Amino acid sequence: MNFNHRFLFIGLVLFTSCVAVSEKDKAPTAAPAATAIMPADSTKSFDNALVDNKKDPSCGMPVTAGVSDTLHFKNKVLGFCSSECKDSFVKDADKIFATIEFKK
């Protein structure tokens, strides 16, 4: 092998090894998380447009003030200001359901 061929061969080997090292150094990137992690002290909040009632069936508070719990009952989505109000509704659901004022 003459000098030009040796120089070309050595240059090609060095170039290939540099490319191989740079590919190994690349760290795999993690995909972004699809869900958000909420702090333990945060409260759930639902959009009042998603519920069918105007007021909390148990305490009468307007759902526009905030909905923190929901319940599906007789093909309606009912919003409640708290889980305690929801629990109160569940105890006597049929009687309270008859008095609910629904959105039009």
C-alpha atoms as a PDB file:
ATOM      1  CA  MET A   1       0.000   0.000   0.000  1.00  0.00           C
ATOM      2  CA  ASN A   2       1.363   3.369  -0.873  1.00  0.00           C
ATOM      3  CA  PHE A   3       1.404   6.437   1.360  1.00  0.00           C
ATOM      4  CA  ASN A   4      -1.833   7.992  -0.051  1.00  0.00           C
ATOM      5  CA  HIS A   5      -3.814   4.824   0.503  1.00  0.00           C
ATOM      6  CA  ARG A   6      -2.553   4.468   4.077  1.00  0.00           C
ATOM      7  CA  PHE A   7      -3.401   8.100   4.841  1.00  0.00           C
ATOM      8  CA  LEU A   8      -6.878   7.661   3.356  1.00  0.00           C
ATOM      9  CA  PHE A   9      -7.436   4.413   5.287  1.00  0.00           C
ATOM     10  CA  ILE A  10      -6.313   5.901   8.636  1.00  0.00           C
ATOM     11  CA  GLY A  11      -8.431   9.009   8.056  1.00  0.00           C
ATOM     12  CA  LEU A  12     -11.481   6.881   7.261  1.00  0.00           C
ATOM     13  CA  VAL A  13     -10.999   4.757  10.410  1.00  0.00           C
ATOM     14  CA  LEU A  14     -10.645   7.844  12.611  1.00  0.00           C
ATOM     15  CA  PHE A  15     -13.694   9.507  11.079  1.00  0.00           C
ATOM     16  CA  THR A  16     -15.818   6.379  11.541  1.00  0.00           C
ATOM     17  CA  SER A  17     -14.769   5.953  15.170  1.00  0.00           C
ATOM     18  CA  CYS A  18     -15.585   9.614  15.947  1.00  0.00           C
ATOM     19  CA  VAL A  19     -19.052   9.264  14.463  1.00  0.00           C
ATOM     20  CA  ALA A  20     -19.665   6.046  16.410  1.00  0.00           C
ATOM     21  CA  VAL A  21     -18.640   7.696  19.712  1.00  0.00           C
ATOM     22  CA  SER A  22     -20.877  10.712  19.179  1.00  0.00           C
ATOM     23  CA  GLU A  23     -23.897   8.457  18.536  1.00  0.00           C
ATOM     24  CA  LYS A  24     -23.207   6.532  21.755  1.00  0.00           C
ATOM     25  CA  ASP A  25     -22.943   9.741  23.781  1.00  0.00           C
ATOM     26  CA  LYS A  26     -26.453  10.808  22.886  1.00  0.00           C
ATOM     27  CA  ALA A  27     -28.698  10.129  25.855  1.00  0.00           C
ATOM     28  CA  PRO A  28     -32.191   8.920  25.082  1.00  0.00           C
ATOM     29  CA  THR A  29     -34.759  11.602  25.800  1.00  0.00           C
ATOM     30  CA  ALA A  30     -37.821  10.754  27.829  1.00  0.00           C
ATOM     31  CA  ALA A  31     -41.206  11.574  26.390  1.00  0.00           C
ATOM     32  CA  PRO A  32     -43.105  14.297  28.273  1.00  0.00           C
ATOM     33  CA  ALA A  33     -45.619  13.051  30.807  1.00  0.00           C
ATOM     34  CA  ALA A  34     -49.166  12.789  29.498  1.00  0.00           C
ATOM     35  CA  THR A  35     -50.748  13.625  32.843  1.00  0.00           C
ATOM     36  CA  ALA A  36     -50.181  16.363  35.345  1.00  0.00           C
ATOM     37  CA  ILE A  37     -49.402  15.516  38.931  1.00  0.00           C
ATOM     38  CA  MET A  38     -51.558  17.515  41.296  1.00  0.00           C
ATOM     39  CA  PRO A  39     -50.405  18.405  44.796  1.00  0.00           C
ATOM     40  CA  ALA A  40     -52.012  16.342  47.564  1.00  0.00           C
ATOM     41  CA  ASP A  41     -53.676  19.406  49.088  1.00  0.00           C
ATOM     42  CA  SER A  42     -55.369  20.532  45.860  1.00  0.00           C
ATOM     43  CA  THR A  43     -59.107  20.093  45.412  1.00  0.00           C
ATOM     44  CA  LYS A  44     -60.969  18.803  42.396  1.00  0.00           C
ATOM     45  CA  SER A  45     -62.930  21.331  40.453  1.00  0.00           C
ATOM     46  CA  PHE A  46     -65.374  20.662  37.623  1.00  0.00           C
ATOM     47  CA  ASP A  47     -66.681  23.090  35.019  1.00  0.00           C
ATOM     48  CA  ASN A  48     -70.240  24.024  35.974  1.00  0.00           C
ATOM     49  CA  ALA A  49     -71.213  23.882  32.291  1.00  0.00           C
ATOM     50  CA  LEU A  50     -70.849  20.086  32.475  1.00  0.00           C
ATOM     51  CA  VAL A  51     -73.620  19.569  35.043  1.00  0.00           C
ATOM     52  CA  ASP A  52     -77.383  19.637  34.508  1.00  0.00           C
ATOM     53  CA  ASN A  53     -78.487  21.292  37.755  1.00  0.00           C
ATOM     54  CA  LYS A  54     -78.475  25.004  38.627  1.00  0.00           C
ATOM     55  CA  LYS A  55     -77.947  24.538  42.379  1.00  0.00           C
ATOM     56  CA  ASP A  56     -76.455  21.936  44.672  1.00  0.00           C
ATOM     57  CA  PRO A  57     -79.431  19.643  45.389  1.00  0.00           C
ATOM     58  CA  SER A  58     -78.468  19.222  49.044  1.00  0.00           C
ATOM     59  CA  CYS A  59     -77.552  22.714  50.250  1.00  0.00           C
ATOM     60  CA  GLY A  60     -78.885  24.968  47.472  1.00  0.00           C
ATOM     61  CA  MET A  61     -75.562  26.632  46.659  1.00  0.00           C
ATOM     62  CA  PRO A  62     -75.400  27.763  42.995  1.00  0.00           C
ATOM     63  CA  VAL A  63     -73.139  25.522  40.882  1.00  0.00           C
ATOM     64  CA  THR A  64     -71.609  28.690  39.415  1.00  0.00           C
ATOM     65  CA  ALA A  65     -69.841  29.112  42.789  1.00  0.00           C
ATOM     66  CA  GLY A  66     -67.958  25.868  42.204  1.00  0.00           C
ATOM     67  CA  VAL A  67     -68.479  22.160  41.692  1.00  0.00           C
ATOM     68  CA  SER A  68     -66.141  19.812  43.533  1.00  0.00           C
ATOM     69  CA  ASP A  69     -68.008  16.512  43.058  1.00  0.00           C
ATOM     70  CA  THR A  70     -70.442  15.026  40.560  1.00  0.00           C
ATOM     71  CA  LEU A  71     -72.892  12.144  40.333  1.00  0.00           C
ATOM     72  CA  HIS A  72     -74.713  10.520  37.429  1.00  0.00           C
ATOM     73  CA  PHE A  73     -78.340   9.898  38.439  1.00  0.00           C
ATOM     74  CA  LYS A  74     -81.332   9.153  36.182  1.00  0.00           C
ATOM     75  CA  ASN A  75     -79.463  10.205  33.016  1.00  0.00           C
ATOM     76  CA  LYS A  76     -78.413  13.541  34.539  1.00  0.00           C
ATOM     77  CA  VAL A  77     -75.039  14.798  35.690  1.00  0.00           C
ATOM     78  CA  LEU A  78     -75.474  16.464  39.050  1.00  0.00           C
ATOM     79  CA  GLY A  79     -72.921  18.847  40.501  1.00  0.00           C
ATOM     80  CA  PHE A  80     -72.247  19.230  44.225  1.00  0.00           C
ATOM     81  CA  CYS A  81     -70.253  21.806  46.153  1.00  0.00           C
ATOM     82  CA  SER A  82     -68.688  19.088  48.344  1.00  0.00           C
ATOM     83  CA  SER A  83     -68.530  15.336  48.817  1.00  0.00           C
ATOM     84  CA  GLU A  84     -70.588  15.782  52.000  1.00  0.00           C
ATOM     85  CA  CYS A  85     -73.453  17.293  49.997  1.00  0.00           C
ATOM     86  CA  LYS A  86     -73.183  14.443  47.500  1.00  0.00           C
ATOM     87  CA  ASP A  87     -73.329  11.895  50.345  1.00  0.00           C
ATOM     88  CA  SER A  88     -76.380  13.677  51.761  1.00  0.00           C
ATOM     89  CA  PHE A  89     -78.105  13.482  48.367  1.00  0.00           C
ATOM     90  CA  VAL A  90     -77.357   9.763  47.985  1.00  0.00           C
ATOM     91  CA  LYS A  91     -79.088   8.985  51.310  1.00  0.00           C
ATOM     92  CA  ASP A  92     -82.458  10.223  49.973  1.00  0.00           C
ATOM     93  CA  ALA A  93     -81.822  10.597  46.241  1.00  0.00           C
ATOM     94  CA  ASP A  94     -85.316  10.007  44.831  1.00  0.00           C
ATOM     95  CA  LYS A  95     -86.973  12.540  47.139  1.00  0.00           C
ATOM     96  CA  ILE A  96     -84.341  15.234  46.591  1.00  0.00           C
ATOM     97  CA  PHE A  97     -84.161  14.564  42.824  1.00  0.00           C
ATOM     98  CA  ALA A  98     -87.825  15.563  42.478  1.00  0.00           C
ATOM     99  CA  THR A  99     -86.998  19.058  43.808  1.00  0.00           C
ATOM    100  CA  ILE A 100     -83.957  19.815  41.615  1.00  0.00           C
ATOM    101  CA  GLU A 101     -84.052  22.865  39.345  1.00  0.00           C
ATOM    102  CA  PHE A 102     -82.413  21.878  36.067  1.00  0.00           C
ATOM    103  CA  LYS A 103     -80.818  24.063  33.443  1.00  0.00           C
ATOM    104  CA  LYS A 104     -82.858  24.597  30.307  1.00  0.00           C
END
